[in-house]
Amino acid sequence: MGDKNTILNEFLQGFEKALIWLAYITVGVLAKLAFDSRNEHLTRRQIVIKVTLSIFAGYMASVACESLNYTRFAGLIVPVATLLGEGFIVYLMKHWQQLAAKVLPWWFGKKK
């Protein structure tokens, strides 16, 4: 089995790492909301959608940084991905058919 001290240390290290990722994502989300609220008045629904999509993009960036061992650059990559991720996801949702037709023309090509 494991020593209680090593299990506790592993848990604390994981918790600290999660807090660091959460801080990076929070910085990106707050900057995104601050920027968007300057341009227009945001409804509660818009805020929830922006926060959800931004957190998803930031989480995916943090997972990519962790798995590809880019933790040294994570302080820059994760907040930027959080900022740009919401706009990128919305763009993909609007234009997925055109993008799919370019990537897989034999499957999504125009029907005659």
N, C-alpha and C. Protein backbone atom coordinates (compact mmCIF):
# COMPACT_ATOMS: atom_id res chain seq x y z
N MET A 1 0.84 -1.18 0.00
CA MET A 1 0.00 0.00 0.00
C MET A 1 0.88 1.24 0.00
N GLY A 2 0.27 2.38 0.16
CA GLY A 2 1.04 3.61 0.15
C GLY A 2 1.10 4.23 1.53
N ASP A 3 2.10 5.00 1.72
CA ASP A 3 2.24 5.75 2.96
C ASP A 3 1.22 6.89 2.95
N LYS A 4 0.65 7.21 4.10
CA LYS A 4 -0.36 8.27 4.17
C LYS A 4 0.23 9.62 3.79
N ASN A 5 1.48 9.85 4.10
CA ASN A 5 2.10 11.13 3.75
C ASN A 5 2.26 11.27 2.24
N THR A 6 2.64 10.21 1.54
CA THR A 6 2.80 10.31 0.10
C THR A 6 1.46 10.47 -0.59
N ILE A 7 0.43 9.80 -0.09
CA ILE A 7 -0.91 9.97 -0.66
C ILE A 7 -1.39 11.40 -0.46
N LEU A 8 -1.16 11.93 0.72
CA LEU A 8 -1.56 13.32 1.01
C LEU A 8 -0.76 14.30 0.15
N ASN A 9 0.54 14.05 -0.02
CA ASN A 9 1.36 14.92 -0.86
C ASN A 9 0.90 14.88 -2.31
N GLU A 10 0.58 13.69 -2.81
CA GLU A 10 0.09 13.57 -4.19
C GLU A 10 -1.23 14.32 -4.35
N PHE A 11 -2.11 14.19 -3.39
CA PHE A 11 -3.39 14.90 -3.44
C PHE A 11 -3.18 16.41 -3.43
N LEU A 12 -2.29 16.88 -2.57
CA LEU A 12 -2.02 18.32 -2.48
C LEU A 12 -1.38 18.85 -3.77
N GLN A 13 -0.47 18.08 -4.36
CA GLN A 13 0.13 18.51 -5.62
C GLN A 13 -0.91 18.59 -6.74
N GLY A 14 -1.80 17.61 -6.80
CA GLY A 14 -2.88 17.65 -7.79
C GLY A 14 -3.81 18.82 -7.56
N PHE A 15 -4.12 19.10 -6.31
CA PHE A 15 -4.99 20.22 -5.99
C PHE A 15 -4.33 21.55 -6.35
N GLU A 16 -3.04 21.69 -6.06
CA GLU A 16 -2.32 22.92 -6.42
C GLU A 16 -2.27 23.11 -7.92
N LYS A 17 -2.05 22.03 -8.66
CA LYS A 17 -2.00 22.12 -10.12
C LYS A 17 -3.37 22.52 -10.68
N ALA A 18 -4.43 21.96 -10.10
CA ALA A 18 -5.78 22.33 -10.53
C ALA A 18 -6.07 23.80 -10.23
N LEU A 19 -5.61 24.30 -9.11
CA LEU A 19 -5.81 25.71 -8.77
C LEU A 19 -5.07 26.63 -9.73
N ILE A 20 -3.88 26.22 -10.15
CA ILE A 20 -3.12 27.03 -11.11
C ILE A 20 -3.86 27.08 -12.44
N TRP A 21 -4.35 25.92 -12.93
CA TRP A 21 -5.11 25.90 -14.20
C TRP A 21 -6.36 26.75 -14.06
N LEU A 22 -7.04 26.64 -12.92
CA LEU A 22 -8.25 27.42 -12.69
C LEU A 22 -7.94 28.92 -12.69
N ALA A 23 -6.81 29.31 -12.13
CA ALA A 23 -6.44 30.72 -12.13
C ALA A 23 -6.18 31.21 -13.55
N TYR A 24 -5.49 30.41 -14.37
CA TYR A 24 -5.24 30.79 -15.77
C TYR A 24 -6.55 30.96 -16.53
N ILE A 25 -7.46 30.02 -16.34
CA ILE A 25 -8.75 30.08 -17.05
C ILE A 25 -9.56 31.26 -16.55
N THR A 26 -9.54 31.54 -15.25
CA THR A 26 -10.29 32.66 -14.69
C THR A 26 -9.80 33.99 -15.25
N VAL A 27 -8.49 34.13 -15.41
CA VAL A 27 -7.95 35.36 -15.99
C VAL A 27 -8.50 35.55 -17.40
N GLY A 28 -8.51 34.49 -18.19
CA GLY A 28 -9.02 34.58 -19.55
C GLY A 28 -10.50 34.90 -19.60
N VAL A 29 -11.29 34.26 -18.75
CA VAL A 29 -12.73 34.50 -18.74
C VAL A 29 -13.04 35.93 -18.31
N LEU A 30 -12.38 36.42 -17.27
CA LEU A 30 -12.64 37.78 -16.82
C LEU A 30 -12.24 38.81 -17.87
N ALA A 31 -11.13 38.56 -18.54
CA ALA A 31 -10.73 39.49 -19.60
C ALA A 31 -11.73 39.45 -20.76
N LYS A 32 -12.23 38.28 -21.10
CA LYS A 32 -13.21 38.15 -22.18
C LYS A 32 -14.50 38.88 -21.82
N LEU A 33 -15.00 38.70 -20.62
CA LEU A 33 -16.22 39.38 -20.20
C LEU A 33 -16.02 40.89 -20.12
N ALA A 34 -14.88 41.32 -19.65
CA ALA A 34 -14.61 42.76 -19.57
C ALA A 34 -14.57 43.38 -20.96
N PHE A 35 -13.93 42.70 -21.89
CA PHE A 35 -13.85 43.23 -23.26
C PHE A 35 -15.21 43.25 -23.93
N ASP A 36 -15.97 42.16 -23.81
CA ASP A 36 -17.29 42.11 -24.45
C ASP A 36 -18.29 43.05 -23.81
N SER A 37 -18.19 43.29 -22.51
CA SER A 37 -19.14 44.19 -21.86
C SER A 37 -18.86 45.65 -22.20
N ARG A 38 -17.66 45.95 -22.65
CA ARG A 38 -17.38 47.32 -23.09
C ARG A 38 -18.03 47.63 -24.43
N ASN A 39 -18.17 46.61 -25.28
CA ASN A 39 -18.74 46.80 -26.61
C ASN A 39 -20.26 46.82 -26.61
N GLU A 40 -20.88 46.05 -25.74
CA GLU A 40 -22.34 45.98 -25.69
C GLU A 40 -22.78 45.52 -24.30
N HIS A 41 -24.04 45.76 -23.99
CA HIS A 41 -24.59 45.29 -22.74
C HIS A 41 -24.88 43.80 -22.87
N LEU A 42 -24.34 42.99 -21.96
CA LEU A 42 -24.51 41.54 -22.03
C LEU A 42 -25.68 41.10 -21.16
N THR A 43 -26.52 40.26 -21.73
CA THR A 43 -27.60 39.68 -20.94
C THR A 43 -27.04 38.53 -20.10
N ARG A 44 -27.82 38.07 -19.18
CA ARG A 44 -27.40 36.97 -18.33
C ARG A 44 -27.15 35.71 -19.16
N ARG A 45 -27.99 35.50 -20.15
CA ARG A 45 -27.83 34.33 -21.03
C ARG A 45 -26.52 34.41 -21.81
N GLN A 46 -26.20 35.58 -22.34
CA GLN A 46 -24.95 35.75 -23.08
C GLN A 46 -23.74 35.52 -22.18
N ILE A 47 -23.82 35.99 -20.95
CA ILE A 47 -22.72 35.81 -20.01
C ILE A 47 -22.51 34.33 -19.72
N VAL A 48 -23.60 33.60 -19.48
CA VAL A 48 -23.48 32.17 -19.18
C VAL A 48 -22.90 31.42 -20.37
N ILE A 49 -23.35 31.74 -21.59
CA ILE A 49 -22.83 31.07 -22.78
C ILE A 49 -21.36 31.39 -22.99
N LYS A 50 -20.98 32.66 -22.85
CA LYS A 50 -19.59 33.06 -23.04
C LYS A 50 -18.69 32.40 -22.00
N VAL A 51 -19.13 32.37 -20.76
CA VAL A 51 -18.33 31.76 -19.70
C VAL A 51 -18.17 30.26 -19.95
N THR A 52 -19.26 29.59 -20.31
CA THR A 52 -19.22 28.15 -20.53
C THR A 52 -18.28 27.79 -21.69
N LEU A 53 -18.43 28.47 -22.81
CA LEU A 53 -17.58 28.17 -23.96
C LEU A 53 -16.12 28.54 -23.69
N SER A 54 -15.90 29.63 -22.97
CA SER A 54 -14.53 30.04 -22.66
C SER A 54 -13.86 29.05 -21.70
N ILE A 55 -14.60 28.58 -20.71
CA ILE A 55 -14.05 27.59 -19.78
C ILE A 55 -13.72 26.30 -20.52
N PHE A 56 -14.60 25.89 -21.43
CA PHE A 56 -14.33 24.69 -22.21
C PHE A 56 -13.05 24.85 -23.04
N ALA A 57 -12.89 25.98 -23.70
CA ALA A 57 -11.70 26.21 -24.51
C ALA A 57 -10.44 26.27 -23.64
N GLY A 58 -10.54 26.93 -22.50
CA GLY A 58 -9.40 26.99 -21.59
C GLY A 58 -9.04 25.64 -21.02
N TYR A 59 -10.05 24.84 -20.70
CA TYR A 59 -9.79 23.49 -20.19
C TYR A 59 -9.12 22.63 -21.24
N MET A 60 -9.59 22.72 -22.48
CA MET A 60 -8.97 21.93 -23.55
C MET A 60 -7.52 22.37 -23.78
N ALA A 61 -7.26 23.66 -23.68
CA ALA A 61 -5.89 24.14 -23.82
C ALA A 61 -5.02 23.66 -22.67
N SER A 62 -5.57 23.64 -21.47
CA SER A 62 -4.78 23.17 -20.32
C SER A 62 -4.49 21.68 -20.42
N VAL A 63 -5.45 20.91 -20.90
CA VAL A 63 -5.22 19.47 -21.11
C VAL A 63 -4.15 19.26 -22.18
N ALA A 64 -4.22 20.05 -23.25
CA ALA A 64 -3.21 19.94 -24.31
C ALA A 64 -1.83 20.32 -23.79
N CYS A 65 -1.75 21.40 -23.02
CA CYS A 65 -0.45 21.81 -22.46
C CYS A 65 0.11 20.74 -21.53
N GLU A 66 -0.74 20.15 -20.74
CA GLU A 66 -0.30 19.12 -19.80
C GLU A 66 0.16 17.86 -20.52
N SER A 67 -0.61 17.42 -21.51
CA SER A 67 -0.27 16.17 -22.18
C SER A 67 0.90 16.33 -23.14
N LEU A 68 1.08 17.51 -23.72
CA LEU A 68 2.20 17.74 -24.64
C LEU A 68 3.43 18.30 -23.93
N ASN A 69 3.34 18.43 -22.61
CA ASN A 69 4.44 18.90 -21.76
C ASN A 69 4.87 20.33 -22.10
N TYR A 70 3.88 21.20 -22.33
CA TYR A 70 4.13 22.62 -22.54
C TYR A 70 3.74 23.43 -21.31
N THR A 71 3.94 22.88 -20.14
CA THR A 71 3.51 23.56 -18.92
C THR A 71 4.28 24.86 -18.70
N ARG A 72 5.43 24.98 -19.30
CA ARG A 72 6.21 26.20 -19.15
C ARG A 72 5.52 27.39 -19.82
N PHE A 73 4.81 27.13 -20.91
CA PHE A 73 4.12 28.18 -21.65
C PHE A 73 2.63 28.27 -21.32
N ALA A 74 2.18 27.48 -20.38
CA ALA A 74 0.75 27.41 -20.08
C ALA A 74 0.21 28.74 -19.56
N GLY A 75 1.03 29.52 -18.90
CA GLY A 75 0.59 30.82 -18.39
C GLY A 75 0.18 31.77 -19.49
N LEU A 76 0.66 31.55 -20.69
CA LEU A 76 0.29 32.36 -21.84
C LEU A 76 -0.76 31.65 -22.71
N ILE A 77 -0.57 30.38 -22.94
CA ILE A 77 -1.43 29.64 -23.86
C ILE A 77 -2.86 29.52 -23.33
N VAL A 78 -3.02 29.16 -22.08
CA VAL A 78 -4.37 28.91 -21.55
C VAL A 78 -5.22 30.18 -21.50
N PRO A 79 -4.75 31.32 -20.99
CA PRO A 79 -5.60 32.52 -21.02
C PRO A 79 -5.91 32.99 -22.44
N VAL A 80 -4.95 32.89 -23.35
CA VAL A 80 -5.22 33.30 -24.74
C VAL A 80 -6.23 32.37 -25.39
N ALA A 81 -6.10 31.08 -25.15
CA ALA A 81 -7.08 30.13 -25.68
C ALA A 81 -8.46 30.37 -25.07
N THR A 82 -8.50 30.76 -23.81
CA THR A 82 -9.78 31.08 -23.17
C THR A 82 -10.39 32.32 -23.81
N LEU A 83 -9.57 33.32 -24.09
CA LEU A 83 -10.07 34.54 -24.72
C LEU A 83 -10.59 34.28 -26.13
N LEU A 84 -9.83 33.56 -26.92
CA LEU A 84 -10.18 33.36 -28.32
C LEU A 84 -11.09 32.16 -28.54
N GLY A 85 -11.15 31.27 -27.59
CA GLY A 85 -11.88 30.03 -27.76
C GLY A 85 -13.37 30.20 -27.99
N GLU A 86 -13.99 31.12 -27.28
CA GLU A 86 -15.44 31.33 -27.43
C GLU A 86 -15.77 31.77 -28.85
N GLY A 87 -15.01 32.71 -29.38
CA GLY A 87 -15.23 33.17 -30.75
C GLY A 87 -14.96 32.08 -31.77
N PHE A 88 -13.93 31.28 -31.53
CA PHE A 88 -13.59 30.19 -32.44
C PHE A 88 -14.68 29.12 -32.45
N ILE A 89 -15.21 28.78 -31.29
CA ILE A 89 -16.27 27.77 -31.20
C ILE A 89 -17.53 28.27 -31.89
N VAL A 90 -17.89 29.53 -31.68
CA VAL A 90 -19.06 30.09 -32.35
C VAL A 90 -18.87 30.08 -33.86
N TYR A 91 -17.66 30.43 -34.33
CA TYR A 91 -17.38 30.40 -35.77
C TYR A 91 -17.53 28.98 -36.32
N LEU A 92 -17.00 27.99 -35.61
CA LEU A 92 -17.14 26.60 -36.05
C LEU A 92 -18.60 26.16 -36.09
N MET A 93 -19.38 26.60 -35.11
CA MET A 93 -20.79 26.23 -35.08
C MET A 93 -21.56 26.85 -36.23
N LYS A 94 -21.19 28.04 -36.65
CA LYS A 94 -21.89 28.70 -37.74
C LYS A 94 -21.47 28.16 -39.10
N HIS A 95 -20.19 27.82 -39.27
CA HIS A 95 -19.67 27.48 -40.59
C HIS A 95 -19.19 26.03 -40.69
N TRP A 96 -19.74 25.13 -39.92
CA TRP A 96 -19.22 23.77 -39.91
C TRP A 96 -19.45 23.06 -41.24
N GLN A 97 -20.52 23.37 -41.93
CA GLN A 97 -20.79 22.67 -43.19
C GLN A 97 -19.77 23.05 -44.27
N GLN A 98 -19.45 24.33 -44.37
CA GLN A 98 -18.46 24.76 -45.36
C GLN A 98 -17.07 24.19 -45.03
N LEU A 99 -16.72 24.18 -43.77
CA LEU A 99 -15.43 23.62 -43.37
C LEU A 99 -15.38 22.12 -43.60
N ALA A 100 -16.47 21.43 -43.31
CA ALA A 100 -16.50 19.99 -43.53
C ALA A 100 -16.44 19.66 -45.01
N ALA A 101 -17.06 20.50 -45.86
CA ALA A 101 -17.01 20.27 -47.30
C ALA A 101 -15.60 20.44 -47.84
N LYS A 102 -14.80 21.30 -47.21
CA LYS A 102 -13.41 21.47 -47.65
C LYS A 102 -12.53 20.32 -47.18
N VAL A 103 -12.79 19.82 -45.97
CA VAL A 103 -11.97 18.74 -45.42
C VAL A 103 -12.36 17.39 -46.01
N LEU A 104 -13.65 17.13 -46.12
CA LEU A 104 -14.16 15.86 -46.65
C LEU A 104 -15.10 16.13 -47.82
N PRO A 105 -14.56 16.51 -48.97
CA PRO A 105 -15.44 16.88 -50.08
C PRO A 105 -16.26 15.71 -50.61
N TRP A 106 -15.72 14.50 -50.51
CA TRP A 106 -16.45 13.33 -51.01
C TRP A 106 -17.65 13.00 -50.14
N TRP A 107 -17.66 13.45 -48.88
CA TRP A 107 -18.78 13.14 -47.99
C TRP A 107 -19.76 14.31 -47.90
N PHE A 108 -19.24 15.53 -47.79
CA PHE A 108 -20.09 16.70 -47.61
C PHE A 108 -20.20 17.53 -48.88
N GLY A 109 -19.84 16.98 -50.02
CA GLY A 109 -19.90 17.72 -51.27
C GLY A 109 -21.35 18.07 -51.62
N LYS A 110 -21.49 19.00 -52.55
CA LYS A 110 -22.82 19.44 -52.93
C LYS A 110 -23.53 18.33 -53.72
N LYS A 111 -24.77 18.15 -53.39
CA LYS A 111 -25.59 17.14 -54.07
C LYS A 111 -26.08 17.69 -55.39
N LYS A 112 -26.08 16.84 -56.41
CA LYS A 112 -26.56 17.26 -57.72
C LYS A 112 -28.03 16.96 -57.88
